[in-house]
Amino acid sequence: MTIYLYFSLIPEALIVSMLPPEEFGHYLAVGSKYLTKGQAVFFELDPEFRHPFFDIDDGIRRCVPHDDGTPKNSVYISVYRVLEHIPINVIGKLYLVTDYGQSLAIERGSAMPESSPGYYMYHDLAPISSLVVSTLPPQNYYESVTTKPPKLIKFPGLAFVDLELGALATDPEHGAVADLPYSGIPHIRECLFELESKNKKNKLVDRLHTAEFPYRMVKSGFFIGNGPDLAFYPMPSRDELREEYHHWWRMANL
């Protein structure tokens, strides 16, 4: 059987599996006996990738079919300091999995997105899960917490998603909440005020934020970086999701 190598963001883990991406996504989201339910986000990696920090070959040796011949769902190789040891050039497609196990595959973008007016909100996915508002577009935000930090604290790499702020992006005080599903909107407004009043670039909204997020709130897309290298995975437009990925979109918004 074919062996696959995956990098999961919820939670951060390096995993070997005999399941192809769509089946693996279904397994992560609902389990092998449909006893669990939860969002999953993961990358497919080059199966030839090796790094001395990980004992990938041992994981592959352990990834054997069950006695009845069914494929091995997963062998966890590492759940610690995974992202910082994965070079960007071995990362393939990104998979977004609904609570009900449907996967949407996204290819890496050829260029970074254009900057948008107003403030940004980022959900850090690995190596931490936190919510941050910022004056910086994604590439500059990444640099501010990794390669060019203004403070002593920095990350060797970061995976994060750019989330919609709606009218709050340009008018934090009076902007309509509309369909923004976030809890703690008054606190988000206060954090946006602080960016302006205290001339800050980034402001932490929630340092221990829930790992899951609404897919319909993804703005430009997903970013994953290690050191100076940063990759962008553009989220399809809502029209494209409705027309070409209707079933995934419908299940993602139940």
Protein backbone atom coordinates (compact mmCIF):
# COMPACT_ATOMS: atom_id res chain seq x y z
CA MET A 1 0.00 0.00 0.00
CA THR A 2 1.02 3.60 -0.62
CA ILE A 3 2.37 5.49 2.39
CA TYR A 4 1.42 9.14 2.84
CA LEU A 5 3.06 11.78 5.00
CA TYR A 6 0.88 14.52 6.49
CA PHE A 7 1.39 17.64 8.58
CA SER A 8 -1.69 18.38 10.69
CA LEU A 9 -2.37 21.83 12.12
CA ILE A 10 -5.27 20.84 14.42
CA PRO A 11 -3.37 19.73 16.41
CA GLU A 12 0.20 20.24 15.18
CA ALA A 13 1.49 16.78 14.31
CA LEU A 14 3.52 14.83 11.77
CA ILE A 15 1.62 11.70 10.77
CA VAL A 16 2.18 8.68 8.54
CA SER A 17 -0.90 7.03 7.05
CA MET A 18 -2.03 4.53 4.44
CA LEU A 19 -5.10 6.64 3.72
CA PRO A 20 -5.15 8.99 0.70
CA PRO A 21 -5.88 12.66 1.56
CA GLU A 22 -9.68 12.66 1.32
CA GLU A 23 -9.99 9.48 3.39
CA PHE A 24 -7.41 10.73 5.87
CA GLY A 25 -9.34 13.99 6.26
CA HIS A 26 -12.53 12.05 6.93
CA TYR A 27 -10.71 9.95 9.52
CA LEU A 28 -9.33 13.04 11.30
CA ALA A 29 -12.71 14.75 11.39
CA VAL A 30 -15.04 11.94 12.43
CA GLY A 31 -12.77 9.09 13.52
CA SER A 32 -12.84 5.50 12.38
CA LYS A 33 -16.11 4.74 14.19
CA TYR A 34 -17.90 8.09 13.74
CA LEU A 35 -17.61 8.77 17.44
CA THR A 36 -15.98 12.18 17.08
CA LYS A 37 -16.66 15.31 15.06
CA GLY A 38 -14.37 18.25 14.46
CA GLN A 39 -12.66 20.44 11.92
CA ALA A 40 -9.31 19.30 10.49
CA VAL A 41 -6.65 21.20 8.55
CA PHE A 42 -3.58 19.46 7.17
CA PHE A 43 -0.92 19.51 4.46
CA GLU A 44 0.28 16.65 2.33
CA LEU A 45 4.09 16.36 2.43
CA ASP A 46 6.59 14.94 -0.01
CA PRO A 47 6.80 11.26 1.09
CA GLU A 48 10.56 11.36 0.48
CA PHE A 49 11.02 14.06 3.14
CA ARG A 50 13.36 13.12 5.97
CA HIS A 51 14.81 15.16 8.83
CA PRO A 52 17.05 14.04 11.73
CA PHE A 53 14.57 15.55 14.20
CA PHE A 54 11.94 12.99 13.14
CA ASP A 55 12.20 9.21 13.00
CA ILE A 56 10.07 9.02 9.87
CA ASP A 57 11.46 5.69 8.69
CA ASP A 58 10.48 4.04 11.98
CA GLY A 59 7.00 5.49 11.62
CA ILE A 60 6.75 4.02 8.14
CA ARG A 61 7.87 0.61 9.43
CA ARG A 62 5.06 0.75 11.98
CA CYS A 63 2.51 1.77 9.38
CA VAL A 64 1.34 -1.70 8.33
CA PRO A 65 -2.14 -3.03 7.49
CA HIS A 66 -4.32 -4.43 10.24
CA ASP A 67 -4.74 -8.18 10.57
CA ASP A 68 -7.90 -8.04 8.46
CA GLY A 69 -6.03 -6.24 5.67
CA THR A 70 -7.56 -2.80 6.21
CA PRO A 71 -5.12 0.11 5.91
CA LYS A 72 -3.47 1.71 8.92
CA ASN A 73 -5.16 5.04 9.60
CA SER A 74 -2.30 6.82 11.34
CA VAL A 75 1.06 6.58 13.04
CA TYR A 76 1.98 9.76 14.89
CA ILE A 77 5.67 10.56 14.44
CA SER A 78 5.77 13.83 16.38
CA VAL A 79 3.47 16.30 18.15
CA TYR A 80 6.25 18.62 19.27
CA ARG A 81 8.14 21.36 17.38
CA VAL A 82 6.93 19.99 14.07
CA LEU A 83 6.56 23.10 11.89
CA GLU A 84 10.04 24.47 12.52
CA HIS A 85 11.60 21.28 11.12
CA ILE A 86 9.59 21.12 7.90
CA PRO A 87 11.05 23.08 4.95
CA ILE A 88 8.46 24.85 2.85
CA ASN A 89 9.58 23.17 -0.37
CA VAL A 90 8.32 19.73 0.79
CA ILE A 91 4.81 21.00 1.59
CA GLY A 92 2.14 20.12 -0.97
CA LYS A 93 -1.61 20.69 -1.05
CA LEU A 94 -3.57 22.08 1.87
CA TYR A 95 -6.75 20.26 2.89
CA LEU A 96 -9.64 21.90 4.74
CA VAL A 97 -11.94 19.33 6.30
CA THR A 98 -15.45 20.01 7.58
CA ASP A 99 -16.82 18.68 10.85
CA TYR A 100 -18.50 15.97 8.78
CA GLY A 101 -15.39 14.80 6.94
CA GLN A 102 -15.56 16.51 3.50
CA SER A 103 -12.20 17.78 2.22
CA LEU A 104 -11.37 20.78 0.04
CA ALA A 105 -7.90 20.67 -1.53
CA ILE A 106 -6.10 23.99 -2.11
CA GLU A 107 -2.98 24.43 -4.23
CA ARG A 108 -0.18 26.79 -3.26
CA GLY A 109 -0.50 30.27 -4.73
CA SER A 110 2.05 31.69 -7.16
CA ALA A 111 2.19 35.07 -5.42
CA MET A 112 1.27 36.76 -2.16
CA PRO A 113 -2.12 38.49 -1.99
CA GLU A 114 -2.45 42.23 -2.45
CA SER A 115 -2.79 44.35 0.67
CA SER A 116 -6.31 45.38 1.67
CA PRO A 117 -7.31 48.64 3.39
CA GLY A 118 -7.78 48.76 7.14
CA TYR A 119 -6.95 46.35 9.91
CA TYR A 120 -6.37 42.59 9.76
CA MET A 121 -7.18 39.69 12.03
CA TYR A 122 -5.06 36.55 12.06
CA HIS A 123 -5.65 33.20 13.69
CA ASP A 124 -2.31 31.55 14.42
CA LEU A 125 -2.68 27.79 13.91
CA ALA A 126 0.82 26.43 14.67
CA PRO A 127 2.98 26.30 16.72
CA ILE A 128 0.44 28.21 18.86
CA SER A 129 -3.28 28.87 18.59
CA SER A 130 -3.95 32.55 19.20
CA LEU A 131 -6.02 35.39 17.76
CA VAL A 132 -4.30 38.64 16.78
CA VAL A 133 -5.39 41.93 15.21
CA SER A 134 -2.80 43.83 13.21
CA THR A 135 -2.08 46.83 11.02
CA LEU A 136 0.26 44.66 8.94
CA PRO A 137 -0.57 42.70 5.78
CA PRO A 138 0.13 38.95 6.03
CA GLN A 139 3.73 38.87 4.80
CA ASN A 140 4.76 41.73 7.10
CA TYR A 141 2.86 40.19 10.00
CA TYR A 142 4.76 36.94 9.48
CA GLU A 143 8.09 38.78 9.51
CA SER A 144 7.12 40.70 12.65
CA VAL A 145 6.80 37.48 14.67
CA THR A 146 9.52 35.40 13.01
CA THR A 147 12.46 36.85 11.09
CA LYS A 148 12.20 40.57 11.96
CA PRO A 149 10.55 40.78 15.38
CA PRO A 150 10.54 44.15 17.21
CA LYS A 151 10.42 42.25 20.52
CA LEU A 152 12.53 39.49 22.05
CA ILE A 153 9.86 36.82 21.54
CA LYS A 154 9.73 35.23 18.11
CA PHE A 155 8.78 31.98 16.40
CA PRO A 156 10.99 29.90 14.08
CA GLY A 157 7.98 29.50 11.78
CA LEU A 158 4.25 30.10 11.75
CA ALA A 159 1.08 28.82 10.12
CA PHE A 160 -1.88 31.20 10.22
CA VAL A 161 -5.10 32.15 8.47
CA ASP A 162 -6.26 35.62 7.44
CA LEU A 163 -9.81 36.16 8.76
CA GLU A 164 -12.52 38.62 7.76
CA LEU A 165 -13.18 41.64 9.98
CA GLY A 166 -15.94 43.05 7.81
CA ALA A 167 -16.78 46.68 8.52
CA LEU A 168 -14.63 46.59 11.66
CA ALA A 169 -11.53 46.57 9.46
CA THR A 170 -12.05 50.23 8.54
CA ASP A 171 -14.39 51.42 11.31
CA PRO A 172 -13.74 49.57 14.60
CA GLU A 173 -15.98 51.91 16.60
CA HIS A 174 -19.12 52.13 14.48
CA GLY A 175 -18.69 49.32 11.93
CA ALA A 176 -21.66 46.96 11.76
CA VAL A 177 -21.07 43.46 13.12
CA ALA A 178 -23.38 42.04 10.42
CA ASP A 179 -22.72 38.28 10.13
CA LEU A 180 -19.39 38.19 11.96
CA PRO A 181 -19.63 35.02 14.09
CA TYR A 182 -16.86 35.81 16.55
CA SER A 183 -17.48 35.82 20.27
CA GLY A 184 -16.27 38.83 22.23
CA ILE A 185 -16.87 41.47 19.55
CA PRO A 186 -16.55 44.33 22.11
CA HIS A 187 -13.12 43.01 23.07
CA ILE A 188 -12.08 42.81 19.40
CA ARG A 189 -13.18 46.45 18.97
CA GLU A 190 -11.09 47.46 22.00
CA CYS A 191 -8.04 45.70 20.60
CA LEU A 192 -8.48 47.48 17.28
CA PHE A 193 -8.74 50.83 19.11
CA GLU A 194 -5.48 50.04 20.88
CA LEU A 195 -3.68 49.50 17.58
CA GLU A 196 -4.51 53.09 16.67
CA SER A 197 -4.29 54.83 20.04
CA LYS A 198 -1.02 53.23 21.11
CA ASN A 199 0.54 53.04 17.65
CA LYS A 200 0.93 49.27 17.84
CA LYS A 201 1.45 46.94 14.91
CA ASN A 202 0.00 43.81 16.51
CA LYS A 203 -2.38 43.27 19.41
CA LEU A 204 -3.16 39.91 20.98
CA VAL A 205 -6.91 39.30 21.22
CA ASP A 206 -6.80 35.79 22.70
CA ARG A 207 -3.58 33.97 23.59
CA LEU A 208 -5.26 30.56 23.97
CA HIS A 209 -7.82 30.69 21.20
CA THR A 210 -9.87 27.69 20.13
CA ALA A 211 -8.15 25.86 17.29
CA GLU A 212 -11.24 25.77 15.06
CA PHE A 213 -12.55 28.68 12.98
CA PRO A 214 -15.40 29.25 10.50
CA TYR A 215 -14.25 28.54 6.95
CA ARG A 216 -16.66 31.17 5.61
CA MET A 217 -14.66 33.82 7.45
CA VAL A 218 -11.38 33.09 5.65
CA LYS A 219 -10.35 36.26 3.83
CA SER A 220 -7.33 35.92 1.53
CA GLY A 221 -6.25 32.46 2.60
CA PHE A 222 -3.67 30.50 4.57
CA PHE A 223 0.02 31.13 5.16
CA ILE A 224 2.77 28.79 6.31
CA GLY A 225 6.37 29.78 6.83
CA ASN A 226 9.65 28.50 8.18
CA GLY A 227 12.40 31.05 8.67
CA PRO A 228 12.57 33.38 5.64
CA ASP A 229 10.36 31.15 3.47
CA LEU A 230 6.62 31.83 3.38
CA ALA A 231 3.97 30.11 1.24
CA PHE A 232 0.43 31.28 0.53
CA TYR A 233 -2.63 29.10 -0.12
CA PRO A 234 -5.46 31.23 -1.54
CA MET A 235 -9.00 30.52 -0.40
CA PRO A 236 -11.42 30.14 -3.32
CA SER A 237 -14.03 32.88 -3.60
CA ARG A 238 -17.49 32.29 -2.18
CA ASP A 239 -18.94 32.19 -5.69
CA GLU A 240 -16.40 29.53 -6.67
CA LEU A 241 -17.12 27.54 -3.52
CA ARG A 242 -20.87 27.66 -4.14
CA GLU A 243 -20.58 26.71 -7.82
CA GLU A 244 -17.67 24.25 -7.94
CA TYR A 245 -17.54 22.87 -4.40
CA HIS A 246 -21.19 23.13 -3.44
CA HIS A 247 -21.33 20.02 -1.24
CA TRP A 248 -18.21 20.98 0.74
CA TRP A 249 -19.46 24.56 1.14
CA ARG A 250 -22.89 23.43 2.33
CA MET A 251 -21.41 21.00 4.88
CA ALA A 252 -18.90 23.61 6.06
CA ASN A 253 -21.75 25.98 6.96
CA LEU A 254 -24.12 23.64 8.78
